[in-house]
Amino acid sequence: MDRIMDYCQVCKDMTEHEVLSSSHLLVIRCNACKTTRKVTPPKEPDIIRIKTVVSREDQSNVCYAELYADETVSVGDRIIAESEGEEGAGVEVMSIEIGDKRVETAKSSEISTLWTRVIDEVIVRVSVHDGKTTIPLFVACDGDEHFTVGELCKGGVKGTIRYRITHIKNRDGSIRKREGKYEPASRIKRIYGFRV
């Protein structure tokens, strides 16, 4: 069963809600007071592809990175670069190009090219919903590390964002939603969760 964080008008607080059904509206039930109501599902931000030059030792390949259109990218960030039909690689941003100039930080919608280098870790993308907005996170880990639906995790700067995994989308397009199901980081396209 999917869960989201939302403001409960009875509890007068942000609480965890179970999603009972979903179509154009979500039917949700507050886990604290058991009040049931209908809400508009949170809008998933637009995802854009950015040209990404990936350097590995003395070789460079042109790939792409999928990022939220309003996401901020900085030199030193770790993201995932992909090429068609290939497994994604964890990369570190070395330079950001907007038109003919280089900058340290930019909104992803402004970026023409990211210049990156491969790092040994796998970077897993996480979309955390807090009821109103989606927070993008990147988790650096070993490719064999498992992530489990229902697991409570921490992310962001100094681990200040706590979230529970609601579902996992794999690179092959399959989705894991059942609590207790897990996938290794190397197979994961994106993790979805709600903030707790």
Protein backbone atom coordinates (compact mmCIF):
# COMPACT_ATOMS: atom_id res chain seq x y z
CA MET A 1 0.00 0.00 0.00
CA ASP A 2 1.39 3.41 -0.98
CA ARG A 3 1.77 6.10 1.65
CA ILE A 4 2.15 9.87 1.47
CA MET A 5 2.67 12.72 3.92
CA ASP A 6 -0.15 15.25 3.87
CA TYR A 7 -1.73 17.87 6.14
CA CYS A 8 -4.59 16.36 8.14
CA GLN A 9 -7.34 18.89 8.90
CA VAL A 10 -8.51 16.84 11.91
CA CYS A 11 -5.05 16.32 13.45
CA LYS A 12 -3.93 19.84 12.44
CA ASP A 13 -0.52 18.45 11.46
CA MET A 14 1.43 16.78 8.63
CA THR A 15 0.76 13.05 9.10
CA GLU A 16 1.34 9.80 7.25
CA HIS A 17 -1.61 8.74 5.09
CA GLU A 18 -2.34 5.44 3.34
CA VAL A 19 -3.40 5.70 -0.30
CA LEU A 20 -6.58 3.60 -0.54
CA SER A 21 -7.17 4.20 -4.25
CA SER A 22 -5.78 6.35 -7.02
CA SER A 23 -7.18 7.67 -10.27
CA HIS A 24 -7.48 11.37 -11.10
CA LEU A 25 -7.93 11.87 -7.31
CA LEU A 26 -6.31 9.97 -4.45
CA VAL A 27 -8.44 8.52 -1.67
CA ILE A 28 -6.27 8.72 1.45
CA ARG A 29 -6.71 7.78 5.12
CA CYS A 30 -4.82 9.45 7.96
CA ASN A 31 -2.89 6.84 9.95
CA ALA A 32 -3.32 8.88 13.15
CA CYS A 33 -7.07 9.67 13.23
CA LYS A 34 -8.33 7.35 10.40
CA THR A 35 -10.13 10.22 8.60
CA THR A 36 -10.63 9.45 4.89
CA ARG A 37 -10.72 12.11 2.17
CA LYS A 38 -9.94 12.78 -1.50
CA VAL A 39 -6.94 14.86 -2.60
CA THR A 40 -5.26 15.84 -5.86
CA PRO A 41 -2.14 13.69 -6.40
CA PRO A 42 1.16 15.57 -6.05
CA LYS A 43 2.44 16.66 -9.46
CA GLU A 44 5.67 14.99 -10.55
CA PRO A 45 8.10 17.71 -11.70
CA ASP A 46 9.16 17.76 -15.36
CA ILE A 47 12.26 15.69 -16.11
CA ILE A 48 14.67 16.90 -18.79
CA ARG A 49 17.68 15.29 -20.47
CA ILE A 50 20.96 17.19 -20.39
CA LYS A 51 23.92 16.44 -22.64
CA THR A 52 26.64 15.01 -20.39
CA VAL A 53 30.26 14.39 -21.41
CA VAL A 54 31.60 11.51 -19.31
CA SER A 55 35.37 11.06 -18.91
CA ARG A 56 36.86 7.77 -17.81
CA GLU A 57 40.66 7.94 -17.65
CA ASP A 58 41.68 8.87 -21.23
CA GLN A 59 38.27 8.29 -22.89
CA SER A 60 35.24 10.58 -23.15
CA ASN A 61 31.70 9.65 -24.20
CA VAL A 62 28.63 11.79 -24.80
CA CYS A 63 25.75 10.60 -22.61
CA TYR A 64 22.80 12.30 -20.92
CA ALA A 65 21.58 12.98 -17.39
CA GLU A 66 17.91 13.08 -16.44
CA LEU A 67 17.21 15.86 -13.93
CA TYR A 68 14.19 17.82 -12.74
CA ALA A 69 13.72 21.01 -14.80
CA ASP A 70 13.88 23.22 -11.70
CA GLU A 71 16.75 21.36 -10.02
CA THR A 72 19.97 23.18 -9.14
CA VAL A 73 23.24 21.52 -10.19
CA SER A 74 26.67 22.48 -8.84
CA VAL A 75 30.26 21.50 -9.57
CA GLY A 76 31.06 18.56 -7.29
CA ASP A 77 27.52 17.11 -7.37
CA ARG A 78 27.23 13.39 -7.98
CA ILE A 79 24.59 12.29 -10.49
CA ILE A 80 23.87 9.48 -12.94
CA ALA A 81 24.84 9.66 -16.62
CA GLU A 82 23.27 7.24 -19.08
CA SER A 83 23.56 6.33 -22.74
CA GLU A 84 20.95 4.50 -24.80
CA GLY A 85 20.83 0.80 -23.96
CA GLU A 86 23.66 1.04 -21.41
CA GLU A 87 23.67 0.83 -17.64
CA GLY A 88 23.98 4.22 -15.94
CA ALA A 89 27.25 5.33 -14.38
CA GLY A 90 27.83 7.39 -11.27
CA VAL A 91 29.62 10.61 -12.24
CA GLU A 92 30.89 13.75 -10.53
CA VAL A 93 30.15 17.14 -12.14
CA MET A 94 33.48 18.80 -13.00
CA SER A 95 32.17 21.74 -15.05
CA ILE A 96 28.82 23.25 -16.09
CA GLU A 97 28.35 24.89 -19.48
CA ILE A 98 25.62 27.42 -20.28
CA GLY A 99 25.96 28.45 -23.91
CA ASP A 100 29.61 29.49 -24.30
CA LYS A 101 30.40 30.15 -20.62
CA ARG A 102 31.27 27.94 -17.64
CA VAL A 103 29.60 28.38 -14.26
CA GLU A 104 29.79 26.76 -10.80
CA THR A 105 26.01 26.39 -10.25
CA ALA A 106 22.95 26.53 -12.52
CA LYS A 107 19.34 25.45 -12.88
CA SER A 108 19.23 22.27 -14.95
CA SER A 109 16.88 23.91 -17.51
CA GLU A 110 19.63 26.46 -18.33
CA ILE A 111 22.47 23.95 -18.81
CA SER A 112 23.68 23.09 -22.30
CA THR A 113 26.38 20.55 -21.27
CA LEU A 114 27.64 18.91 -18.10
CA TRP A 115 31.30 17.84 -18.03
CA THR A 116 31.78 14.90 -15.67
CA ARG A 117 34.10 12.11 -14.59
CA VAL A 118 33.19 8.54 -13.64
CA ILE A 119 33.33 7.64 -9.97
CA ASP A 120 33.39 4.08 -8.64
CA GLU A 121 30.19 4.37 -6.62
CA VAL A 122 26.70 3.91 -8.02
CA ILE A 123 24.47 6.98 -7.67
CA VAL A 124 20.81 6.23 -7.00
CA ARG A 125 18.21 8.93 -7.75
CA VAL A 126 15.51 9.41 -5.13
CA SER A 127 12.31 11.48 -5.44
CA VAL A 128 10.95 12.35 -1.99
CA HIS A 129 7.39 13.77 -1.77
CA ASP A 130 6.49 15.85 1.26
CA GLY A 131 2.82 16.32 0.33
CA LYS A 132 3.30 19.52 -1.68
CA THR A 133 6.68 19.31 -3.42
CA THR A 134 9.18 16.73 -4.65
CA ILE A 135 12.72 16.82 -3.29
CA PRO A 136 15.40 15.28 -5.57
CA LEU A 137 18.17 13.38 -3.79
CA PHE A 138 21.20 11.44 -5.01
CA VAL A 139 22.50 8.58 -2.88
CA ALA A 140 26.07 7.34 -3.46
CA CYS A 141 26.48 3.67 -2.55
CA ASP A 142 27.95 0.34 -3.58
CA GLY A 143 26.17 -1.26 -6.57
CA ASP A 144 25.30 -4.34 -4.50
CA GLU A 145 23.60 -2.33 -1.73
CA HIS A 146 19.91 -3.21 -1.46
CA PHE A 147 17.00 -0.79 -1.10
CA THR A 148 13.70 -2.15 0.23
CA VAL A 149 10.12 -0.93 -0.21
CA GLY A 150 8.98 0.31 3.21
CA GLU A 151 12.54 1.00 4.40
CA LEU A 152 13.18 4.18 6.37
CA CYS A 153 16.17 6.10 4.92
CA LYS A 154 18.04 9.37 5.37
CA GLY A 155 19.41 11.66 2.66
CA GLY A 156 20.26 15.21 1.74
CA VAL A 157 22.85 17.42 3.41
CA LYS A 158 24.02 15.68 6.62
CA GLY A 159 21.14 13.19 6.34
CA THR A 160 18.52 15.74 7.40
CA ILE A 161 15.79 14.41 5.06
CA ARG A 162 14.15 11.24 6.40
CA TYR A 163 11.93 9.29 4.02
CA ARG A 164 10.21 5.93 3.64
CA ILE A 165 10.52 4.11 0.29
CA THR A 166 7.11 3.62 -1.35
CA HIS A 167 8.23 2.09 -4.65
CA ILE A 168 11.29 1.39 -6.76
CA LYS A 169 11.50 1.78 -10.54
CA ASN A 170 14.11 -0.42 -12.22
CA ARG A 171 16.13 0.25 -15.35
CA ASP A 172 14.15 -2.44 -17.21
CA GLY A 173 10.90 -0.53 -16.50
CA SER A 174 9.57 -2.89 -13.81
CA ILE A 175 8.29 -1.40 -10.56
CA ARG A 176 8.49 -2.83 -7.03
CA LYS A 177 5.61 -1.65 -4.80
CA ARG A 178 5.05 -4.48 -2.34
CA GLU A 179 6.48 -3.84 1.12
CA GLY A 180 9.61 -5.92 1.74
CA LYS A 181 10.56 -6.20 -1.96
CA TYR A 182 14.09 -5.01 -2.64
CA GLU A 183 16.48 -4.28 -5.48
CA PRO A 184 20.27 -3.76 -5.70
CA ALA A 185 21.36 -0.18 -6.41
CA SER A 186 22.88 -1.16 -9.78
CA ARG A 187 19.42 -2.10 -11.17
CA ILE A 188 17.51 0.94 -9.87
CA LYS A 189 16.39 3.78 -12.15
CA ARG A 190 14.68 5.82 -9.39
CA ILE A 191 13.43 5.38 -5.83
CA TYR A 192 10.22 7.10 -4.76
CA GLY A 193 9.41 7.88 -1.16
CA PHE A 194 7.55 10.17 1.18
CA ARG A 195 9.10 12.39 3.81
CA VAL A 196 8.66 11.44 7.46
